[in-house]
Amino acid sequence: MTPENYPVVGRFKNETAVAMTLYLEMVPEEVILEPGDEVELLAQPTDNLLPLDVAPVADGLHIHAHKESDPDWHVRFRGRVIKAGNPTRLSDYR
């Protein structure tokens, strides 16, 4: 399955006046959303992926898969599918 066909496991929008970071798991994958940015979080489906645990942190959200140790995370931003990296700045994809 290609990342473009991964299921949407979450939708996130930065409705604040400052940048917000989605911290994905314990590995250093981060997606930085500027004010007004909105993404769909995609992940390769596995039996251990869902449900996700989403916890607020000072500058964003920390997102963990249920029991999957290293999900293949991507985001869809403005119709483009982007592999989550360290960090992924959505401002680079405008």
Protein backbone atom coordinates (compact mmCIF):
# COMPACT_ATOMS: atom_id res chain seq x y z
CA MET A 1 0.00 0.00 0.00
CA THR A 2 1.35 3.43 -0.91
CA PRO A 3 1.24 6.30 1.61
CA GLU A 4 -1.35 8.11 -0.52
CA ASN A 5 -3.73 5.23 0.31
CA TYR A 6 -2.98 5.04 4.05
CA PRO A 7 -6.05 5.68 6.19
CA VAL A 8 -6.57 9.01 7.92
CA VAL A 9 -6.04 8.43 11.64
CA GLY A 10 -6.44 12.04 12.75
CA ARG A 11 -7.09 15.59 11.63
CA PHE A 12 -5.31 18.47 13.28
CA LYS A 13 -5.59 22.22 12.84
CA ASN A 14 -3.50 24.90 14.50
CA GLU A 15 -6.01 27.45 15.73
CA THR A 16 -3.48 29.31 17.87
CA ALA A 17 -1.37 32.39 17.13
CA VAL A 18 1.96 30.48 17.35
CA ALA A 19 3.53 27.40 15.78
CA MET A 20 2.38 24.03 17.09
CA THR A 21 4.24 20.70 16.84
CA LEU A 22 2.85 17.20 16.44
CA TYR A 23 5.34 14.87 18.14
CA LEU A 24 4.89 11.41 16.62
CA GLU A 25 5.88 8.57 18.94
CA MET A 26 9.17 8.45 20.78
CA VAL A 27 11.28 8.61 17.60
CA PRO A 28 12.16 12.11 16.44
CA GLU A 29 9.35 12.65 13.93
CA GLU A 30 7.77 16.06 14.23
CA VAL A 31 5.33 18.01 12.10
CA ILE A 32 5.30 21.78 12.68
CA LEU A 33 2.05 23.58 11.90
CA GLU A 34 1.97 27.35 11.59
CA PRO A 35 -1.19 29.21 12.64
CA GLY A 36 -4.07 28.20 10.39
CA ASP A 37 -2.35 25.07 9.05
CA GLU A 38 -4.46 21.92 8.92
CA VAL A 39 -3.31 18.34 8.23
CA GLU A 40 -4.64 14.84 8.00
CA LEU A 41 -2.41 12.35 9.81
CA LEU A 42 -1.93 9.15 7.84
CA ALA A 43 -0.36 5.88 8.96
CA GLN A 44 0.26 2.48 7.45
CA PRO A 45 -2.48 0.27 8.86
CA THR A 46 -1.46 -2.48 11.27
CA ASP A 47 -3.26 -4.46 13.95
CA ASN A 48 -1.42 -2.52 16.66
CA LEU A 49 -1.89 1.05 15.37
CA LEU A 50 -5.23 2.10 16.86
CA PRO A 51 -6.47 3.59 19.05
CA LEU A 52 -4.10 6.54 19.14
CA ASP A 53 -3.22 8.31 22.37
CA VAL A 54 -3.09 12.09 21.94
CA ALA A 55 -1.75 14.15 24.84
CA PRO A 56 -1.28 17.91 24.98
CA VAL A 57 2.22 19.23 25.66
CA ALA A 58 3.43 22.81 26.07
CA ASP A 59 3.98 23.48 22.36
CA GLY A 60 1.67 20.98 20.66
CA LEU A 61 0.51 17.39 20.86
CA HIS A 62 2.28 14.11 21.58
CA ILE A 63 0.77 11.27 19.53
CA HIS A 64 1.33 7.57 20.26
CA ALA A 65 0.07 4.49 18.44
CA HIS A 66 -1.61 1.80 20.55
CA LYS A 67 1.12 -0.87 20.42
CA GLU A 68 2.91 -0.19 17.13
CA SER A 69 6.52 0.69 17.93
CA ASP A 70 7.38 2.74 14.83
CA PRO A 71 4.41 3.60 12.60
CA ASP A 72 4.98 4.84 9.07
CA TRP A 73 3.60 8.37 9.59
CA HIS A 74 2.68 10.76 6.81
CA VAL A 75 0.59 13.92 6.65
CA ARG A 76 -1.63 15.23 3.89
CA PHE A 77 -1.21 19.00 3.61
CA ARG A 78 -2.95 20.96 0.86
CA GLY A 79 -3.48 17.73 -1.07
CA ARG A 80 0.18 16.66 -0.89
CA VAL A 81 1.27 13.56 1.05
CA ILE A 82 4.47 14.21 3.02
CA LYS A 83 6.59 11.74 5.03
CA ALA A 84 6.97 12.91 8.63
CA GLY A 85 10.60 13.67 9.42
CA ASN A 86 12.74 15.50 11.93
CA PRO A 87 11.34 18.05 11.66
CA THR A 88 8.78 18.45 8.92
CA ARG A 89 7.96 22.15 8.57
CA LEU A 90 4.75 22.61 6.65
CA SER A 91 5.91 26.13 5.72
CA ASP A 92 8.42 24.39 3.41
CA TYR A 93 5.49 22.98 1.40
CA ARG A 94 3.56 26.17 0.65
